[in-house]
Amino acid sequence: MHLDPPCTYNKFHLIYYKAVMAEADITHELIEDEIFPSGTLRNQQDEVVSSANLNGKSVAILFCDGSSPRCLTVVPLLINYYKTINSGGLLQKIEIVYVSCDDNRQSYEENIKRMPWLHLEFDDHYAHSLKQRYNIKDTSMEYGTFDSMEIPSLVVVTSNGSEVQRFHLCHGREDSQKALHRWDWRNTPFRLCYHVTNLFVLYSCLKLLNILLRDSCSSRLFQYCYLRRSYTVDCIMWNSKYQ
């Protein structure tokens, strides 16, 4: 079977409009290489939070131990900074995700009570993976590795986990405050990528947004919908599977 390109934009736009008005279930699939897997993020009420809530904000991971005097000194400073930046305007600008380096659950629970941001569970195995990925010093070791980073540390990341900035907040209140002022949150937004699984929505959105990828995008589905190129069904399905 061979598919010809969509005939007219207006016809597909009408279908899309009716689908939205009928509150159709438009599904989106997150690309799997996001830094926070589904179910890992939690808020102060211990509710699971979708990583989609991070989209558009500048996101930093806080590695901290609630029983450490250095962490106890820095956390109030960080809370004040967090509230000050997010208080201006209608939209939240930054988000912090606390990854516990606490020795015990009691210390962890005391810590999250005063933190207004998100966190990972104390016994979440993914927390250990993040410590290894960003080379955070293991508090159970006397010295750590050669280039490991002490806590508290704040790591600004992209949606796929790339490190954008790192702030060592272990050198006193004044130095920590200066470090936080270097957080370039205006230019480090967390951007999630989606595969839109509804063909009509994909086609309409691409037309409405006038996407500029027309010469570089290799997706057969994109080319079929937007560039009006002809492909077989098998070609489109095979190509979409590996995008």
Protein backbone atom coordinates (compact mmCIF):
# COMPACT_ATOMS: atom_id res chain seq x y z
CA MET A 1 0.00 0.00 0.00
CA HIS A 2 1.30 3.44 -0.96
CA LEU A 3 0.28 6.61 0.88
CA ASP A 4 -0.12 9.91 -0.92
CA PRO A 5 0.57 13.10 1.03
CA PRO A 6 -2.34 14.67 2.97
CA CYS A 7 -4.58 16.50 0.55
CA THR A 8 -5.28 19.80 2.30
CA TYR A 9 -4.27 21.44 5.52
CA ASN A 10 -7.80 22.66 6.25
CA LYS A 11 -9.25 19.16 6.31
CA PHE A 12 -6.73 17.92 8.88
CA HIS A 13 -7.03 21.10 10.92
CA LEU A 14 -10.78 20.56 11.11
CA ILE A 15 -10.28 16.99 12.32
CA TYR A 16 -7.80 18.21 14.95
CA TYR A 17 -10.13 20.97 16.10
CA LYS A 18 -13.02 18.52 16.52
CA ALA A 19 -10.79 16.12 18.44
CA VAL A 20 -9.77 18.85 20.88
CA MET A 21 -13.34 20.07 21.31
CA ALA A 22 -14.42 16.50 22.03
CA GLU A 23 -11.66 16.24 24.66
CA ALA A 24 -10.00 13.42 22.77
CA ASP A 25 -7.27 11.57 24.57
CA ILE A 26 -4.11 12.81 22.89
CA THR A 27 -1.20 10.72 24.11
CA HIS A 28 2.42 11.80 24.31
CA GLU A 29 5.37 9.54 24.90
CA LEU A 30 8.45 10.86 26.65
CA ILE A 31 11.78 9.96 25.15
CA GLU A 32 13.41 7.36 27.38
CA ASP A 33 16.73 9.11 28.03
CA GLU A 34 15.32 11.65 30.48
CA ILE A 35 17.29 12.15 33.68
CA PHE A 36 14.41 11.41 36.10
CA PRO A 37 12.58 8.14 35.28
CA SER A 38 8.84 7.92 35.88
CA GLY A 39 7.90 7.56 39.56
CA THR A 40 11.16 8.83 41.04
CA LEU A 41 10.23 12.46 41.79
CA ARG A 42 8.18 13.28 44.90
CA ASN A 43 6.92 16.51 46.48
CA GLN A 44 6.60 17.53 50.14
CA GLN A 45 3.30 15.63 50.42
CA ASP A 46 5.15 12.49 49.25
CA GLU A 47 3.13 12.47 46.03
CA VAL A 48 4.71 11.24 42.81
CA VAL A 49 5.38 14.16 40.45
CA SER A 50 5.81 13.83 36.69
CA SER A 51 9.07 15.07 35.22
CA ALA A 52 6.88 17.04 32.79
CA ASN A 53 6.47 19.54 35.65
CA LEU A 54 10.15 20.42 35.26
CA ASN A 55 9.77 21.52 31.66
CA GLY A 56 10.84 25.12 31.08
CA LYS A 57 12.41 25.56 34.53
CA SER A 58 16.08 25.52 35.38
CA VAL A 59 16.61 22.29 37.33
CA ALA A 60 19.38 21.48 39.82
CA ILE A 61 20.08 18.35 41.84
CA LEU A 62 21.01 18.97 45.48
CA PHE A 63 23.28 16.38 47.08
CA CYS A 64 23.08 16.92 50.81
CA ASP A 65 23.24 15.27 54.24
CA GLY A 66 20.76 16.62 56.78
CA SER A 67 22.97 15.70 59.73
CA SER A 68 26.01 17.55 58.37
CA PRO A 69 26.70 20.99 59.96
CA ARG A 70 27.68 22.36 56.54
CA CYS A 71 24.39 21.24 55.02
CA LEU A 72 22.42 22.61 57.97
CA THR A 73 24.07 25.98 57.37
CA VAL A 74 23.48 26.06 53.61
CA VAL A 75 19.90 24.74 53.37
CA PRO A 76 18.22 27.86 54.88
CA LEU A 77 20.24 30.01 52.47
CA LEU A 78 19.15 27.83 49.55
CA ILE A 79 15.51 27.92 50.65
CA ASN A 80 15.59 31.71 50.70
CA TYR A 81 17.17 31.81 47.24
CA TYR A 82 14.62 29.31 45.88
CA LYS A 83 11.65 31.30 47.17
CA THR A 84 13.07 34.66 46.08
CA ILE A 85 13.70 33.59 42.47
CA ASN A 86 10.33 31.85 42.15
CA SER A 87 8.31 34.65 43.78
CA GLY A 88 8.65 37.06 40.87
CA GLY A 89 6.11 36.56 38.08
CA LEU A 90 3.44 33.94 37.50
CA LEU A 91 5.65 31.00 36.50
CA GLN A 92 8.11 29.05 38.62
CA LYS A 93 11.62 29.61 37.30
CA ILE A 94 13.80 27.08 39.12
CA GLU A 95 13.33 23.65 40.65
CA ILE A 96 15.58 21.66 42.93
CA VAL A 97 15.61 17.89 43.36
CA TYR A 98 17.06 16.67 46.65
CA VAL A 99 19.11 13.47 46.50
CA SER A 100 19.82 12.25 50.00
CA CYS A 101 23.33 11.56 51.24
CA ASP A 102 21.98 10.97 54.77
CA ASP A 103 23.25 8.10 56.89
CA ASN A 104 19.77 7.20 58.13
CA ARG A 105 16.10 7.72 57.31
CA GLN A 106 15.44 9.93 60.35
CA SER A 107 17.99 12.47 59.15
CA TYR A 108 16.50 12.29 55.65
CA GLU A 109 12.94 12.85 56.85
CA GLU A 110 13.97 15.82 58.99
CA ASN A 111 15.65 17.29 55.95
CA ILE A 112 12.74 16.99 53.52
CA LYS A 113 10.31 18.53 56.05
CA ARG A 114 11.97 21.92 55.65
CA MET A 115 12.71 21.68 51.92
CA PRO A 116 10.04 23.22 49.62
CA TRP A 117 11.34 21.44 46.53
CA LEU A 118 11.19 17.91 45.12
CA HIS A 119 13.13 14.87 46.30
CA LEU A 120 13.93 11.23 45.64
CA GLU A 121 13.04 8.55 48.18
CA PHE A 122 15.69 7.71 50.77
CA ASP A 123 15.98 4.08 49.62
CA ASP A 124 15.59 4.78 45.89
CA HIS A 125 18.38 2.86 44.12
CA TYR A 126 18.41 5.52 41.41
CA ALA A 127 19.78 8.01 43.96
CA HIS A 128 22.96 5.94 44.17
CA SER A 129 23.24 6.01 40.38
CA LEU A 130 23.02 9.81 40.40
CA LYS A 131 25.75 10.08 43.03
CA GLN A 132 28.01 7.94 40.88
CA ARG A 133 27.14 9.82 37.71
CA TYR A 134 28.00 13.20 39.20
CA ASN A 135 30.90 11.84 41.24
CA ILE A 136 29.59 12.80 44.66
CA LYS A 137 31.77 11.71 47.55
CA ASP A 138 30.36 8.74 49.45
CA THR A 139 29.97 9.85 53.08
CA SER A 140 30.65 6.28 54.22
CA MET A 141 34.18 6.52 52.77
CA GLU A 142 36.91 8.39 54.59
CA TYR A 143 38.45 10.01 51.52
CA GLY A 144 36.35 9.26 48.44
CA THR A 145 37.80 9.01 44.94
CA PHE A 146 40.51 11.26 43.51
CA ASP A 147 38.17 13.80 41.88
CA SER A 148 34.98 13.25 43.89
CA MET A 149 32.94 16.27 45.00
CA GLU A 150 32.04 17.01 48.59
CA ILE A 151 28.56 17.80 49.84
CA PRO A 152 26.55 19.90 49.82
CA SER A 153 26.75 20.28 46.04
CA LEU A 154 24.22 21.65 43.58
CA VAL A 155 24.33 20.39 39.98
CA VAL A 156 22.30 22.12 37.26
CA VAL A 157 21.28 19.59 34.59
CA THR A 158 19.51 19.26 31.25
CA SER A 159 16.65 16.83 30.59
CA ASN A 160 19.09 14.08 29.52
CA GLY A 161 21.33 14.62 32.56
CA SER A 162 24.14 16.66 31.03
CA GLU A 163 25.82 18.83 33.63
CA VAL A 164 25.47 22.55 32.90
CA GLN A 165 26.80 24.09 36.12
CA ARG A 166 28.03 22.83 39.49
CA PHE A 167 28.17 24.75 42.74
CA HIS A 168 30.09 23.60 45.79
CA LEU A 169 28.22 24.90 48.81
CA CYS A 170 30.63 23.55 51.39
CA HIS A 171 32.81 26.60 51.99
CA GLY A 172 30.65 28.66 54.31
CA ARG A 173 27.59 30.84 54.00
CA GLU A 174 29.20 33.81 52.23
CA ASP A 175 30.95 31.75 49.53
CA SER A 176 27.80 29.67 49.02
CA GLN A 177 25.73 32.80 48.50
CA LYS A 178 28.17 34.05 45.88
CA ALA A 179 28.05 30.66 44.17
CA LEU A 180 24.24 30.71 43.95
CA HIS A 181 24.32 34.11 42.25
CA ARG A 182 26.20 32.44 39.40
CA TRP A 183 23.27 30.08 38.71
CA ASP A 184 22.38 31.05 35.14
CA TRP A 185 18.76 29.93 35.47
CA ARG A 186 17.50 32.22 32.69
CA ASN A 187 19.58 30.40 30.10
CA THR A 188 19.45 26.80 31.35
CA PRO A 189 15.83 25.64 30.87
CA PHE A 190 14.95 21.97 31.28
CA ARG A 191 13.46 20.84 27.94
CA LEU A 192 11.66 17.52 27.59
CA CYS A 193 11.21 15.95 24.15
CA TYR A 194 8.00 14.25 23.10
CA HIS A 195 6.84 11.91 20.36
CA VAL A 196 3.29 12.93 19.46
CA THR A 197 1.45 9.73 18.69
CA ASN A 198 -1.64 11.19 17.04
CA LEU A 199 -1.01 11.70 13.32
CA PHE A 200 -3.58 14.44 12.88
CA VAL A 201 -2.27 16.39 15.89
CA LEU A 202 1.29 16.01 14.61
CA TYR A 203 0.37 17.33 11.19
CA SER A 204 -1.67 20.29 12.52
CA CYS A 205 0.93 21.30 15.11
CA LEU A 206 3.74 21.24 12.57
CA LYS A 207 1.76 23.45 10.21
CA LEU A 208 0.69 25.86 12.92
CA LEU A 209 4.19 26.24 14.40
CA ASN A 210 5.89 26.42 10.99
CA ILE A 211 8.73 24.20 12.16
CA LEU A 212 12.08 24.98 10.57
CA LEU A 213 13.40 21.42 10.41
CA ARG A 214 12.03 20.72 6.96
CA ASP A 215 15.43 20.23 5.31
CA SER A 216 17.18 18.39 8.14
CA CYS A 217 14.55 16.14 9.73
CA SER A 218 14.96 12.49 8.64
CA SER A 219 11.60 11.28 9.99
CA ARG A 220 9.50 9.74 7.22
CA LEU A 221 6.36 10.56 9.23
CA PHE A 222 7.40 14.20 9.40
CA GLN A 223 8.22 14.30 5.70
CA TYR A 224 4.94 12.61 4.82
CA CYS A 225 2.85 15.04 6.86
CA TYR A 226 4.73 18.26 6.38
CA LEU A 227 6.73 18.02 3.19
CA ARG A 228 4.05 16.07 1.33
CA ARG A 229 6.41 13.35 0.19
CA SER A 230 5.10 9.91 -0.71
CA TYR A 231 6.18 6.76 1.15
CA THR A 232 4.91 3.23 1.63
CA VAL A 233 3.26 2.34 4.95
CA ASP A 234 6.10 -0.09 5.74
CA CYS A 235 8.68 2.64 5.15
CA ILE A 236 6.91 5.07 7.50
CA MET A 237 6.40 2.46 10.24
CA TRP A 238 10.02 1.19 10.09
CA ASN A 239 11.45 4.70 10.15
CA SER A 240 9.20 5.86 13.04
CA LYS A 241 10.20 2.83 15.10
CA TYR A 242 13.86 3.88 15.10
CA GLN A 243 13.50 7.67 15.45
